[in-house]
Amino acid sequence: MDMCARFITDGIRDALTHYHRDDLPLHRLSWELHTRIDTLVPHAPSVWVDQLRDLQRRIAALATAETPALTESEHHTLDESLTLLADVLNLANN
């Protein structure tokens, strides 16, 4: 992975960390992921970027449904999406 891609993926990881610490609301996490993944496009294989975009879209759909609160099923989908996103990032580093 080149230095630019590493810098961008580190930013994605930071956003995930802030969300898990409740320092970042879900709608903001969704925006952060969208913005950083778009920035990643010229620095990473398109298949990998597409995987990240797919997961970000799942998160974005839940962010718009957040009011008043996520259902148990939506929480499960969110947790699964966040885990898969972290897994995809980790695989890229290996």
C-alpha atoms as a PDB file:
ATOM      1  CA  MET A   1       0.000   0.000   0.000  1.00  0.00           C
ATOM      2  CA  ASP A   2       1.406   3.398  -0.913  1.00  0.00           C
ATOM      3  CA  MET A   3       1.820   6.203   1.626  1.00  0.00           C
ATOM      4  CA  CYS A   4      -1.256   8.140   0.482  1.00  0.00           C
ATOM      5  CA  ALA A   5      -3.480   5.081   0.778  1.00  0.00           C
ATOM      6  CA  ARG A   6      -2.010   4.325   4.209  1.00  0.00           C
ATOM      7  CA  PHE A   7      -2.720   7.891   5.367  1.00  0.00           C
ATOM      8  CA  ILE A   8      -6.323   7.684   4.127  1.00  0.00           C
ATOM      9  CA  THR A   9      -6.985   4.265   5.658  1.00  0.00           C
ATOM     10  CA  ASP A  10      -5.520   5.455   8.954  1.00  0.00           C
ATOM     11  CA  GLY A  11      -8.074   8.275   8.824  1.00  0.00           C
ATOM     12  CA  ILE A  12     -10.861   5.751   8.257  1.00  0.00           C
ATOM     13  CA  ARG A  13      -9.660   3.753  11.247  1.00  0.00           C
ATOM     14  CA  ASP A  14      -9.551   6.929  13.356  1.00  0.00           C
ATOM     15  CA  ALA A  15     -13.143   7.724  12.384  1.00  0.00           C
ATOM     16  CA  LEU A  16     -14.209   4.206  13.394  1.00  0.00           C
ATOM     17  CA  THR A  17     -12.412   4.582  16.719  1.00  0.00           C
ATOM     18  CA  HIS A  18     -14.098   7.924  17.408  1.00  0.00           C
ATOM     19  CA  TYR A  19     -17.488   6.439  16.568  1.00  0.00           C
ATOM     20  CA  HIS A  20     -16.941   3.492  18.915  1.00  0.00           C
ATOM     21  CA  ARG A  21     -15.957   5.916  21.708  1.00  0.00           C
ATOM     22  CA  ASP A  22     -19.171   7.889  21.084  1.00  0.00           C
ATOM     23  CA  ASP A  23     -17.134  10.911  19.979  1.00  0.00           C
ATOM     24  CA  LEU A  24     -18.675  10.851  16.501  1.00  0.00           C
ATOM     25  CA  PRO A  25     -22.376  10.527  15.633  1.00  0.00           C
ATOM     26  CA  LEU A  26     -23.415   7.969  13.039  1.00  0.00           C
ATOM     27  CA  HIS A  27     -24.310  10.520  10.354  1.00  0.00           C
ATOM     28  CA  ARG A  28     -20.877  12.118  10.729  1.00  0.00           C
ATOM     29  CA  LEU A  29     -19.156   8.720  10.564  1.00  0.00           C
ATOM     30  CA  SER A  30     -21.014   8.023   7.339  1.00  0.00           C
ATOM     31  CA  TRP A  31     -19.842  11.339   5.878  1.00  0.00           C
ATOM     32  CA  GLU A  32     -16.239  10.746   7.016  1.00  0.00           C
ATOM     33  CA  LEU A  33     -16.224   7.295   5.411  1.00  0.00           C
ATOM     34  CA  HIS A  34     -17.730   8.586   2.176  1.00  0.00           C
ATOM     35  CA  THR A  35     -15.231  11.425   1.902  1.00  0.00           C
ATOM     36  CA  ARG A  36     -12.178   9.344   2.735  1.00  0.00           C
ATOM     37  CA  ILE A  37     -13.164   6.461   0.459  1.00  0.00           C
ATOM     38  CA  ASP A  38     -13.626   8.918  -2.439  1.00  0.00           C
ATOM     39  CA  THR A  39     -10.147  10.276  -1.710  1.00  0.00           C
ATOM     40  CA  LEU A  40      -8.771   6.741  -1.810  1.00  0.00           C
ATOM     41  CA  VAL A  41      -9.871   6.125  -5.431  1.00  0.00           C
ATOM     42  CA  PRO A  42      -6.620   7.048  -7.238  1.00  0.00           C
ATOM     43  CA  HIS A  43      -4.497   5.235  -4.661  1.00  0.00           C
ATOM     44  CA  ALA A  44      -6.118   1.807  -4.392  1.00  0.00           C
ATOM     45  CA  PRO A  45      -7.488  -0.998  -6.569  1.00  0.00           C
ATOM     46  CA  SER A  46     -11.079  -0.378  -7.658  1.00  0.00           C
ATOM     47  CA  VAL A  47     -12.275  -3.754  -6.337  1.00  0.00           C
ATOM     48  CA  TRP A  48     -11.124  -2.820  -2.864  1.00  0.00           C
ATOM     49  CA  VAL A  49     -12.611   0.683  -3.068  1.00  0.00           C
ATOM     50  CA  ASP A  50     -15.903  -0.827  -4.250  1.00  0.00           C
ATOM     51  CA  GLN A  51     -15.987  -3.107  -1.185  1.00  0.00           C
ATOM     52  CA  LEU A  52     -15.457  -0.113   1.086  1.00  0.00           C
ATOM     53  CA  ARG A  53     -18.104   1.923  -0.769  1.00  0.00           C
ATOM     54  CA  ASP A  54     -20.596  -0.900  -0.460  1.00  0.00           C
ATOM     55  CA  LEU A  55     -20.127  -1.003   3.298  1.00  0.00           C
ATOM     56  CA  GLN A  56     -20.258   2.778   3.564  1.00  0.00           C
ATOM     57  CA  ARG A  57     -23.588   2.799   1.721  1.00  0.00           C
ATOM     58  CA  ARG A  58     -25.003   0.306   4.218  1.00  0.00           C
ATOM     59  CA  ILE A  59     -23.864   2.586   7.040  1.00  0.00           C
ATOM     60  CA  ALA A  60     -25.270   5.671   5.273  1.00  0.00           C
ATOM     61  CA  ALA A  61     -28.673   4.007   4.925  1.00  0.00           C
ATOM     62  CA  LEU A  62     -28.701   3.369   8.663  1.00  0.00           C
ATOM     63  CA  ALA A  63     -27.528   6.900   9.433  1.00  0.00           C
ATOM     64  CA  THR A  64     -30.601   8.304   7.696  1.00  0.00           C
ATOM     65  CA  ALA A  65     -32.829   5.868   9.613  1.00  0.00           C
ATOM     66  CA  GLU A  66     -31.284   6.816  12.955  1.00  0.00           C
ATOM     67  CA  THR A  67     -34.176   9.022  14.072  1.00  0.00           C
ATOM     68  CA  PRO A  68     -35.415   8.358  16.687  1.00  0.00           C
ATOM     69  CA  ALA A  69     -33.335   5.219  17.256  1.00  0.00           C
ATOM     70  CA  LEU A  70     -32.062   2.201  15.387  1.00  0.00           C
ATOM     71  CA  THR A  71     -33.980  -1.039  15.750  1.00  0.00           C
ATOM     72  CA  GLU A  72     -32.244  -4.163  17.017  1.00  0.00           C
ATOM     73  CA  SER A  73     -31.974  -5.441  13.453  1.00  0.00           C
ATOM     74  CA  GLU A  74     -30.471  -2.141  12.283  1.00  0.00           C
ATOM     75  CA  HIS A  75     -27.963  -2.227  15.146  1.00  0.00           C
ATOM     76  CA  HIS A  76     -26.966  -5.725  14.074  1.00  0.00           C
ATOM     77  CA  THR A  77     -26.526  -4.584  10.456  1.00  0.00           C
ATOM     78  CA  LEU A  78     -24.476  -1.593  11.614  1.00  0.00           C
ATOM     79  CA  ASP A  79     -22.218  -3.693  13.833  1.00  0.00           C
ATOM     80  CA  GLU A  80     -21.719  -6.202  11.036  1.00  0.00           C
ATOM     81  CA  SER A  81     -20.928  -3.430   8.521  1.00  0.00           C
ATOM     82  CA  LEU A  82     -18.415  -1.773  10.842  1.00  0.00           C
ATOM     83  CA  THR A  83     -16.708  -5.106  11.518  1.00  0.00           C
ATOM     84  CA  LEU A  84     -16.521  -5.927   7.812  1.00  0.00           C
ATOM     85  CA  LEU A  85     -15.168  -2.453   7.063  1.00  0.00           C
ATOM     86  CA  ALA A  86     -12.392  -2.909   9.612  1.00  0.00           C
ATOM     87  CA  ASP A  87     -11.666  -6.381   8.193  1.00  0.00           C
ATOM     88  CA  VAL A  88     -11.384  -5.036   4.642  1.00  0.00           C
ATOM     89  CA  LEU A  89      -8.976  -2.347   5.845  1.00  0.00           C
ATOM     90  CA  ASN A  90      -6.883  -4.913   7.715  1.00  0.00           C
ATOM     91  CA  LEU A  91      -6.679  -7.220   4.705  1.00  0.00           C
ATOM     92  CA  ALA A  92      -5.346  -4.365   2.597  1.00  0.00           C
ATOM     93  CA  ASN A  93      -2.480  -3.835   5.023  1.00  0.00           C
ATOM     94  CA  ASN A  94      -1.289  -7.430   4.705  1.00  0.00           C
END
